Amino acid sequence: MYRRLSALVINLLCLSSIAFSQTKVYNHFNQHYFFQERLVKGLVFDIIQDSFGLMWFGTEYGLVRYDGHSVKIFSHEPDNPNSLAGNVVTALAEDHQGNLWVGTQNSGLHYFDRNQGKFYRHQHDPKGQNSLSNNKISKILIEDENSIWITTEGGGVNLLPI
């Protein structure tokens, strides 16, 4: 009985410290952004601000870059092998050199060359032992200057040396 009572008291103390640990309540947003035409009409899966101050949005309609004044949308172009391979962008990360990495729902991982405006694709190849395990990217983590961790849906975790 004392064990149950002490466990109950410890749980209550923990809960009370959690309940009172937040002193400020955030109940409003400063601004709402609704972009016209093709931008955020649907789902937004990831958002990052890069080292240049640009905002990047991974959406179901492509990759969106917002510089505070204008919007640029990067999407799949069937005749362009240097475009995104698919439009559903699920994960974003910037590495230590300022390079942008883009994960997609079914089209693998992409490296975006900012200077040339081109995407380079890393995709699953059933015959390739060193390819991605799955093209459904769920998260990208930049560990250090030499490695990127990629989680996939159904393919586990991948490590990409850069």
N, C-alpha and C. Protein backbone atom coordinates (compact mmCIF):
# COMPACT_ATOMS: atom_id res chain seq x y z
N MET A 1 0.82 -1.19 0.00
CA MET A 1 0.00 0.00 0.00
C MET A 1 0.87 1.26 0.00
N TYR A 2 1.94 1.25 0.80
CA TYR A 2 2.82 2.43 0.84
C TYR A 2 3.51 2.65 -0.51
N ARG A 3 3.80 1.52 -1.18
CA ARG A 3 4.41 1.65 -2.51
C ARG A 3 3.47 2.35 -3.47
N ARG A 4 2.21 1.94 -3.46
CA ARG A 4 1.22 2.56 -4.35
C ARG A 4 1.03 4.03 -4.00
N LEU A 5 0.96 4.32 -2.72
CA LEU A 5 0.77 5.70 -2.28
C LEU A 5 1.97 6.56 -2.65
N SER A 6 3.18 6.03 -2.44
CA SER A 6 4.36 6.82 -2.79
C SER A 6 4.46 7.00 -4.31
N ALA A 7 4.10 5.98 -5.07
CA ALA A 7 4.10 6.11 -6.53
C ALA A 7 3.09 7.15 -6.96
N LEU A 8 1.93 7.16 -6.32
CA LEU A 8 0.90 8.15 -6.63
C LEU A 8 1.39 9.56 -6.31
N VAL A 9 2.02 9.73 -5.18
CA VAL A 9 2.54 11.06 -4.78
C VAL A 9 3.61 11.52 -5.75
N ILE A 10 4.53 10.63 -6.15
CA ILE A 10 5.57 10.99 -7.10
C ILE A 10 4.96 11.39 -8.43
N ASN A 11 3.98 10.63 -8.90
CA ASN A 11 3.31 10.97 -10.16
C ASN A 11 2.61 12.33 -10.08
N LEU A 12 1.95 12.59 -8.98
CA LEU A 12 1.28 13.88 -8.81
C LEU A 12 2.27 15.03 -8.78
N LEU A 13 3.38 14.84 -8.10
CA LEU A 13 4.41 15.88 -8.07
C LEU A 13 4.99 16.14 -9.45
N CYS A 14 5.23 15.07 -10.18
CA CYS A 14 5.75 15.23 -11.55
C CYS A 14 4.75 15.95 -12.42
N LEU A 15 3.48 15.57 -12.33
CA LEU A 15 2.45 16.22 -13.13
C LEU A 15 2.28 17.68 -12.74
N SER A 16 2.34 17.98 -11.46
CA SER A 16 2.18 19.37 -11.05
C SER A 16 3.35 20.21 -11.51
N SER A 17 4.57 19.66 -11.53
CA SER A 17 5.71 20.44 -12.01
C SER A 17 5.61 20.67 -13.50
N ILE A 18 5.08 19.69 -14.22
CA ILE A 18 4.88 19.88 -15.66
C ILE A 18 3.79 20.93 -15.90
N ALA A 19 2.72 20.86 -15.14
CA ALA A 19 1.60 21.77 -15.34
C ALA A 19 2.00 23.22 -15.07
N PHE A 20 2.91 23.44 -14.13
CA PHE A 20 3.29 24.80 -13.77
C PHE A 20 4.62 25.23 -14.35
N SER A 21 5.21 24.40 -15.20
CA SER A 21 6.52 24.76 -15.74
C SER A 21 6.42 25.82 -16.83
N GLN A 22 5.28 25.94 -17.48
CA GLN A 22 5.10 26.95 -18.52
C GLN A 22 4.44 28.17 -17.90
N THR A 23 5.15 29.28 -17.88
CA THR A 23 4.61 30.47 -17.24
C THR A 23 3.92 31.40 -18.22
N LYS A 24 4.21 31.25 -19.51
CA LYS A 24 3.62 32.15 -20.49
C LYS A 24 2.72 31.34 -21.43
N VAL A 25 1.53 31.84 -21.67
CA VAL A 25 0.59 31.17 -22.55
C VAL A 25 0.59 31.89 -23.90
N TYR A 26 0.80 31.10 -24.95
CA TYR A 26 0.75 31.66 -26.31
C TYR A 26 -0.59 31.30 -26.91
N ASN A 27 -1.44 32.29 -27.11
CA ASN A 27 -2.77 31.97 -27.61
C ASN A 27 -3.13 32.79 -28.85
N HIS A 28 -2.13 33.37 -29.50
CA HIS A 28 -2.42 34.11 -30.72
C HIS A 28 -1.23 34.03 -31.67
N PHE A 29 -1.47 34.30 -32.89
CA PHE A 29 -0.43 34.33 -33.91
C PHE A 29 -0.32 35.76 -34.42
N ASN A 30 0.90 36.19 -34.70
CA ASN A 30 1.10 37.55 -35.17
C ASN A 30 0.57 37.76 -36.58
N GLN A 31 0.83 36.80 -37.46
CA GLN A 31 0.41 36.96 -38.83
C GLN A 31 -0.01 35.61 -39.40
N HIS A 32 -0.91 35.65 -40.35
CA HIS A 32 -1.30 34.46 -41.10
C HIS A 32 -0.90 34.71 -42.54
N TYR A 33 -0.32 33.71 -43.16
CA TYR A 33 0.10 33.86 -44.55
C TYR A 33 -0.74 32.95 -45.43
N PHE A 34 -1.42 33.54 -46.38
CA PHE A 34 -2.16 32.80 -47.37
C PHE A 34 -1.62 33.24 -48.72
N PHE A 35 -0.92 32.36 -49.39
CA PHE A 35 -0.34 32.70 -50.67
C PHE A 35 -1.33 32.34 -51.77
N GLN A 36 -1.41 33.18 -52.73
CA GLN A 36 -2.34 32.97 -53.82
C GLN A 36 -1.79 31.95 -54.81
N GLU A 37 -2.63 31.51 -55.67
CA GLU A 37 -2.35 30.58 -56.75
C GLU A 37 -1.95 29.22 -56.24
N ARG A 38 -0.70 28.75 -56.48
CA ARG A 38 -0.38 27.35 -56.28
C ARG A 38 0.27 27.02 -54.95
N LEU A 39 0.42 27.90 -54.04
CA LEU A 39 1.26 27.61 -52.88
C LEU A 39 0.59 26.74 -51.84
N VAL A 40 0.34 27.26 -50.70
CA VAL A 40 -0.07 26.45 -49.57
C VAL A 40 -1.58 26.28 -49.57
N LYS A 41 -2.08 25.57 -50.54
CA LYS A 41 -3.50 25.26 -50.57
C LYS A 41 -3.76 23.96 -49.85
N GLY A 42 -2.75 23.15 -49.71
CA GLY A 42 -2.93 21.85 -49.10
C GLY A 42 -2.02 21.67 -47.91
N LEU A 43 -1.42 20.52 -47.85
CA LEU A 43 -0.61 20.15 -46.70
C LEU A 43 0.80 20.74 -46.76
N VAL A 44 1.29 21.15 -45.59
CA VAL A 44 2.69 21.55 -45.44
C VAL A 44 3.32 20.53 -44.51
N PHE A 45 4.37 19.85 -44.98
CA PHE A 45 4.98 18.77 -44.22
C PHE A 45 6.19 19.23 -43.42
N ASP A 46 6.91 20.23 -43.91
CA ASP A 46 8.12 20.67 -43.21
C ASP A 46 8.40 22.13 -43.55
N ILE A 47 9.04 22.82 -42.61
CA ILE A 47 9.41 24.23 -42.79
C ILE A 47 10.80 24.40 -42.19
N ILE A 48 11.67 25.09 -42.93
CA ILE A 48 12.96 25.47 -42.35
C ILE A 48 13.29 26.90 -42.80
N GLN A 49 14.11 27.54 -42.01
CA GLN A 49 14.72 28.80 -42.42
C GLN A 49 16.19 28.51 -42.61
N ASP A 50 16.72 28.83 -43.79
CA ASP A 50 18.11 28.49 -44.06
C ASP A 50 19.07 29.56 -43.55
N SER A 51 20.34 29.33 -43.74
CA SER A 51 21.36 30.25 -43.23
C SER A 51 21.39 31.58 -43.98
N PHE A 52 20.68 31.68 -45.10
CA PHE A 52 20.55 32.93 -45.85
C PHE A 52 19.31 33.72 -45.45
N GLY A 53 18.50 33.15 -44.56
CA GLY A 53 17.28 33.82 -44.10
C GLY A 53 16.05 33.47 -44.93
N LEU A 54 16.19 32.60 -45.91
CA LEU A 54 15.05 32.21 -46.74
C LEU A 54 14.21 31.17 -46.02
N MET A 55 12.91 31.23 -46.22
CA MET A 55 11.99 30.23 -45.68
C MET A 55 11.69 29.22 -46.77
N TRP A 56 11.75 27.94 -46.42
CA TRP A 56 11.47 26.85 -47.34
C TRP A 56 10.31 26.03 -46.78
N PHE A 57 9.34 25.72 -47.63
CA PHE A 57 8.16 24.95 -47.23
C PHE A 57 8.09 23.68 -48.08
N GLY A 58 8.01 22.54 -47.43
CA GLY A 58 7.77 21.29 -48.13
C GLY A 58 6.28 21.05 -48.16
N THR A 59 5.69 21.09 -49.33
CA THR A 59 4.23 20.98 -49.46
C THR A 59 3.85 19.80 -50.36
N GLU A 60 2.57 19.56 -50.44
CA GLU A 60 2.10 18.50 -51.33
C GLU A 60 2.14 18.93 -52.80
N TYR A 61 2.43 20.20 -53.05
CA TYR A 61 2.50 20.70 -54.42
C TYR A 61 3.92 21.07 -54.84
N GLY A 62 4.91 20.77 -54.03
CA GLY A 62 6.29 21.06 -54.39
C GLY A 62 7.03 21.77 -53.27
N LEU A 63 8.22 22.26 -53.61
CA LEU A 63 9.07 22.99 -52.69
C LEU A 63 8.84 24.48 -52.90
N VAL A 64 8.61 25.20 -51.81
CA VAL A 64 8.31 26.63 -51.91
C VAL A 64 9.39 27.41 -51.18
N ARG A 65 9.91 28.44 -51.85
CA ARG A 65 10.89 29.34 -51.24
C ARG A 65 10.25 30.72 -51.09
N TYR A 66 10.36 31.27 -49.90
CA TYR A 66 9.79 32.59 -49.61
C TYR A 66 10.90 33.46 -49.04
N ASP A 67 11.16 34.60 -49.69
CA ASP A 67 12.25 35.48 -49.26
C ASP A 67 11.76 36.70 -48.47
N GLY A 68 10.49 36.71 -48.12
CA GLY A 68 9.92 37.84 -47.40
C GLY A 68 9.16 38.78 -48.31
N HIS A 69 9.40 38.65 -49.62
CA HIS A 69 8.73 39.51 -50.61
C HIS A 69 8.05 38.71 -51.71
N SER A 70 8.74 37.68 -52.17
CA SER A 70 8.19 36.92 -53.29
C SER A 70 8.32 35.42 -53.01
N VAL A 71 7.56 34.67 -53.79
CA VAL A 71 7.48 33.23 -53.64
C VAL A 71 7.98 32.58 -54.93
N LYS A 72 8.78 31.53 -54.78
CA LYS A 72 9.19 30.71 -55.93
C LYS A 72 8.84 29.28 -55.60
N ILE A 73 8.21 28.62 -56.56
CA ILE A 73 7.78 27.23 -56.38
C ILE A 73 8.60 26.33 -57.29
N PHE A 74 9.17 25.30 -56.71
CA PHE A 74 9.91 24.30 -57.46
C PHE A 74 9.04 23.04 -57.48
N SER A 75 8.77 22.55 -58.68
CA SER A 75 7.93 21.36 -58.80
C SER A 75 8.48 20.45 -59.88
N HIS A 76 7.88 19.28 -59.98
CA HIS A 76 8.31 18.29 -60.97
C HIS A 76 8.01 18.79 -62.38
N GLU A 77 9.03 18.71 -63.23
CA GLU A 77 8.88 19.02 -64.66
C GLU A 77 9.25 17.74 -65.41
N PRO A 78 8.29 17.09 -66.04
CA PRO A 78 8.53 15.78 -66.66
C PRO A 78 9.71 15.73 -67.63
N ASP A 79 9.96 16.80 -68.36
CA ASP A 79 11.04 16.80 -69.35
C ASP A 79 12.37 17.31 -68.80
N ASN A 80 12.42 17.60 -67.51
CA ASN A 80 13.64 18.15 -66.91
C ASN A 80 14.18 17.19 -65.84
N PRO A 81 15.28 16.47 -66.13
CA PRO A 81 15.83 15.54 -65.14
C PRO A 81 16.46 16.23 -63.93
N ASN A 82 16.61 17.56 -64.01
CA ASN A 82 17.17 18.31 -62.88
C ASN A 82 16.10 19.05 -62.08
N SER A 83 14.84 18.63 -62.25
CA SER A 83 13.76 19.16 -61.41
C SER A 83 13.48 18.13 -60.32
N LEU A 84 12.58 18.47 -59.43
CA LEU A 84 12.16 17.48 -58.43
C LEU A 84 11.57 16.28 -59.15
N ALA A 85 11.82 15.09 -58.64
CA ALA A 85 11.26 13.89 -59.26
C ALA A 85 9.79 13.71 -58.90
N GLY A 86 9.34 14.38 -57.85
CA GLY A 86 7.94 14.32 -57.42
C GLY A 86 7.60 15.57 -56.65
N ASN A 87 6.33 15.89 -56.56
CA ASN A 87 5.91 17.15 -55.95
C ASN A 87 5.67 17.11 -54.45
N VAL A 88 5.47 15.95 -53.86
CA VAL A 88 5.15 15.89 -52.44
C VAL A 88 6.45 15.93 -51.64
N VAL A 89 6.77 17.11 -51.09
CA VAL A 89 8.01 17.33 -50.35
C VAL A 89 7.72 17.16 -48.87
N THR A 90 8.34 16.14 -48.26
CA THR A 90 8.04 15.76 -46.88
C THR A 90 9.10 16.13 -45.87
N ALA A 91 10.34 16.40 -46.31
CA ALA A 91 11.42 16.66 -45.36
C ALA A 91 12.43 17.64 -45.97
N LEU A 92 12.95 18.53 -45.12
CA LEU A 92 13.92 19.53 -45.55
C LEU A 92 15.05 19.62 -44.53
N ALA A 93 16.26 19.89 -45.02
CA ALA A 93 17.40 20.12 -44.13
C ALA A 93 18.46 20.90 -44.89
N GLU A 94 19.25 21.65 -44.15
CA GLU A 94 20.38 22.38 -44.72
C GLU A 94 21.65 21.86 -44.07
N ASP A 95 22.65 21.54 -44.89
CA ASP A 95 23.89 21.03 -44.33
C ASP A 95 24.81 22.17 -43.91
N HIS A 96 25.99 21.83 -43.41
CA HIS A 96 26.92 22.82 -42.86
C HIS A 96 27.51 23.75 -43.91
N GLN A 97 27.44 23.37 -45.18
CA GLN A 97 27.91 24.23 -46.27
C GLN A 97 26.79 25.08 -46.87
N GLY A 98 25.59 24.99 -46.31
CA GLY A 98 24.46 25.76 -46.82
C GLY A 98 23.73 25.09 -47.96
N ASN A 99 24.00 23.81 -48.20
CA ASN A 99 23.31 23.06 -49.25
C ASN A 99 21.96 22.58 -48.74
N LEU A 100 20.96 22.62 -49.60
CA LEU A 100 19.61 22.22 -49.24
C LEU A 100 19.36 20.78 -49.67
N TRP A 101 18.82 19.98 -48.75
CA TRP A 101 18.45 18.59 -49.01
C TRP A 101 16.94 18.47 -48.88
N VAL A 102 16.33 17.80 -49.85
CA VAL A 102 14.87 17.74 -49.96
C VAL A 102 14.44 16.27 -50.05
N GLY A 103 13.57 15.85 -49.14
CA GLY A 103 13.02 14.50 -49.19
C GLY A 103 11.60 14.55 -49.73
N THR A 104 11.25 13.54 -50.51
CA THR A 104 9.92 13.49 -51.12
C THR A 104 9.16 12.24 -50.68
N GLN A 105 7.86 12.25 -50.92
CA GLN A 105 6.99 11.15 -50.50
C GLN A 105 7.30 9.85 -51.24
N ASN A 106 7.51 9.91 -52.52
CA ASN A 106 7.73 8.69 -53.31
C ASN A 106 8.89 8.80 -54.29
N SER A 107 9.63 9.89 -54.24
CA SER A 107 10.63 10.16 -55.27
C SER A 107 12.04 10.31 -54.74
N GLY A 108 12.29 9.89 -53.51
CA GLY A 108 13.64 9.87 -52.98
C GLY A 108 14.13 11.19 -52.41
N LEU A 109 15.45 11.27 -52.32
CA LEU A 109 16.15 12.41 -51.74
C LEU A 109 16.74 13.25 -52.85
N HIS A 110 16.71 14.57 -52.68
CA HIS A 110 17.24 15.49 -53.67
C HIS A 110 18.23 16.45 -53.01
N TYR A 111 19.29 16.74 -53.73
CA TYR A 111 20.23 17.78 -53.35
C TYR A 111 19.96 18.96 -54.27
N PHE A 112 19.78 20.16 -53.71
CA PHE A 112 19.49 21.34 -54.53
C PHE A 112 20.75 22.18 -54.66
N ASP A 113 21.21 22.34 -55.89
CA ASP A 113 22.35 23.20 -56.20
C ASP A 113 21.82 24.61 -56.40
N ARG A 114 22.03 25.47 -55.42
CA ARG A 114 21.48 26.83 -55.46
C ARG A 114 22.04 27.65 -56.61
N ASN A 115 23.32 27.48 -56.91
CA ASN A 115 23.96 28.29 -57.96
C ASN A 115 23.39 27.97 -59.34
N GLN A 116 23.12 26.71 -59.59
CA GLN A 116 22.62 26.30 -60.90
C GLN A 116 21.10 26.14 -60.93
N GLY A 117 20.47 26.14 -59.77
CA GLY A 117 19.02 25.96 -59.72
C GLY A 117 18.59 24.57 -60.13
N LYS A 118 19.45 23.56 -59.85
CA LYS A 118 19.18 22.19 -60.27
C LYS A 118 19.06 21.27 -59.06
N PHE A 119 18.25 20.25 -59.23
CA PHE A 119 18.11 19.20 -58.23
C PHE A 119 18.84 17.96 -58.72
N TYR A 120 19.56 17.33 -57.83
CA TYR A 120 20.23 16.07 -58.13
C TYR A 120 19.59 14.99 -57.26
N ARG A 121 19.21 13.89 -57.87
CA ARG A 121 18.38 12.88 -57.23
C ARG A 121 19.20 11.72 -56.67
N HIS A 122 18.79 11.27 -55.49
CA HIS A 122 19.27 10.04 -54.88
C HIS A 122 18.03 9.19 -54.67
N GLN A 123 17.95 8.07 -55.41
CA GLN A 123 16.73 7.26 -55.34
C GLN A 123 17.05 5.79 -55.11
N HIS A 124 16.03 5.07 -54.70
CA HIS A 124 16.15 3.63 -54.49
C HIS A 124 16.38 2.94 -55.83
N ASP A 125 17.36 2.06 -55.85
CA ASP A 125 17.63 1.22 -57.01
C ASP A 125 17.67 -0.22 -56.50
N PRO A 126 16.69 -1.04 -56.89
CA PRO A 126 16.65 -2.42 -56.38
C PRO A 126 17.93 -3.21 -56.67
N LYS A 127 18.65 -2.83 -57.72
CA LYS A 127 19.89 -3.53 -58.07
C LYS A 127 21.12 -2.90 -57.43
N GLY A 128 20.96 -1.69 -56.92
CA GLY A 128 22.10 -0.98 -56.34
C GLY A 128 22.20 -1.19 -54.84
N GLN A 129 23.30 -1.74 -54.40
CA GLN A 129 23.48 -2.02 -52.98
C GLN A 129 23.66 -0.73 -52.16
N ASN A 130 24.16 0.32 -52.78
CA ASN A 130 24.43 1.57 -52.07
C ASN A 130 23.40 2.65 -52.35
N SER A 131 22.19 2.26 -52.75
CA SER A 131 21.15 3.25 -53.01
C SER A 131 20.27 3.40 -51.76
N LEU A 132 19.36 4.34 -51.81
CA LEU A 132 18.39 4.49 -50.73
C LEU A 132 17.59 3.20 -50.57
N SER A 133 17.20 2.90 -49.35
CA SER A 133 16.42 1.68 -49.11
C SER A 133 14.96 1.85 -49.53
N ASN A 134 14.48 3.10 -49.62
CA ASN A 134 13.09 3.38 -49.98
C ASN A 134 13.00 4.82 -50.43
N ASN A 135 12.12 5.12 -51.37
CA ASN A 135 11.96 6.48 -51.88
C ASN A 135 11.01 7.34 -51.05
N LYS A 136 10.40 6.78 -50.03
CA LYS A 136 9.49 7.54 -49.18
C LYS A 136 10.28 8.12 -48.01
N ILE A 137 10.70 9.37 -48.14
CA ILE A 137 11.54 10.01 -47.14
C ILE A 137 10.65 10.67 -46.09
N SER A 138 10.94 10.41 -44.81
CA SER A 138 10.15 11.02 -43.75
C SER A 138 10.92 12.05 -42.94
N LYS A 139 12.24 11.94 -42.84
CA LYS A 139 13.03 12.89 -42.06
C LYS A 139 14.46 12.90 -42.56
N ILE A 140 15.09 14.07 -42.48
CA ILE A 140 16.49 14.24 -42.83
C ILE A 140 17.19 14.89 -41.65
N LEU A 141 18.29 14.31 -41.22
CA LEU A 141 19.07 14.87 -40.11
C LEU A 141 20.51 15.03 -40.56
N ILE A 142 21.01 16.25 -40.49
CA ILE A 142 22.41 16.52 -40.80
C ILE A 142 23.20 16.32 -39.51
N GLU A 143 24.03 15.28 -39.46
CA GLU A 143 24.77 14.99 -38.23
C GLU A 143 26.00 15.87 -38.11
N ASP A 144 26.81 15.89 -39.14
CA ASP A 144 28.03 16.69 -39.12
C ASP A 144 28.38 17.04 -40.57
N GLU A 145 29.59 17.48 -40.80
CA GLU A 145 29.99 17.87 -42.16
C GLU A 145 30.08 16.69 -43.12
N ASN A 146 30.07 15.49 -42.59
CA ASN A 146 30.33 14.32 -43.43
C ASN A 146 29.17 13.35 -43.58
N SER A 147 28.07 13.54 -42.85
CA SER A 147 27.02 12.54 -42.93
C SER A 147 25.62 13.10 -42.74
N ILE A 148 24.71 12.48 -43.47
CA ILE A 148 23.29 12.81 -43.42
C ILE A 148 22.54 11.52 -43.12
N TRP A 149 21.64 11.57 -42.13
CA TRP A 149 20.77 10.45 -41.81
C TRP A 149 19.42 10.71 -42.46
N ILE A 150 18.89 9.68 -43.09
CA ILE A 150 17.60 9.78 -43.77
C ILE A 150 16.71 8.65 -43.25
N THR A 151 15.52 9.01 -42.74
CA THR A 151 14.57 7.98 -42.36
C THR A 151 13.55 7.84 -43.48
N THR A 152 13.12 6.60 -43.67
CA THR A 152 12.17 6.32 -44.75
C THR A 152 10.97 5.57 -44.18
N GLU A 153 9.90 5.58 -44.95
CA GLU A 153 8.71 4.81 -44.57
C GLU A 153 8.84 3.42 -45.18
N GLY A 154 9.12 2.45 -44.36
CA GLY A 154 9.22 1.08 -44.83
C GLY A 154 10.62 0.64 -45.22
N GLY A 155 11.59 1.55 -45.21
CA GLY A 155 12.95 1.18 -45.58
C GLY A 155 13.97 1.42 -44.49
N GLY A 156 13.50 1.83 -43.32
CA GLY A 156 14.42 2.04 -42.20
C GLY A 156 15.20 3.34 -42.32
N VAL A 157 16.43 3.29 -41.78
CA VAL A 157 17.29 4.46 -41.70
C VAL A 157 18.45 4.28 -42.67
N ASN A 158 18.82 5.37 -43.34
CA ASN A 158 19.93 5.37 -44.27
C ASN A 158 20.96 6.41 -43.84
N LEU A 159 22.23 6.11 -44.06
CA LEU A 159 23.31 7.05 -43.79
C LEU A 159 23.97 7.39 -45.11
N LEU A 160 23.98 8.67 -45.44
CA LEU A 160 24.60 9.14 -46.69
C LEU A 160 25.85 9.91 -46.36
N PRO A 161 27.03 9.40 -46.72
CA PRO A 161 28.24 10.18 -46.52
C PRO A 161 28.32 11.29 -47.57
N ILE A 162 28.68 12.48 -47.14
CA ILE A 162 28.79 13.59 -48.11
C ILE A 162 30.20 14.15 -48.09
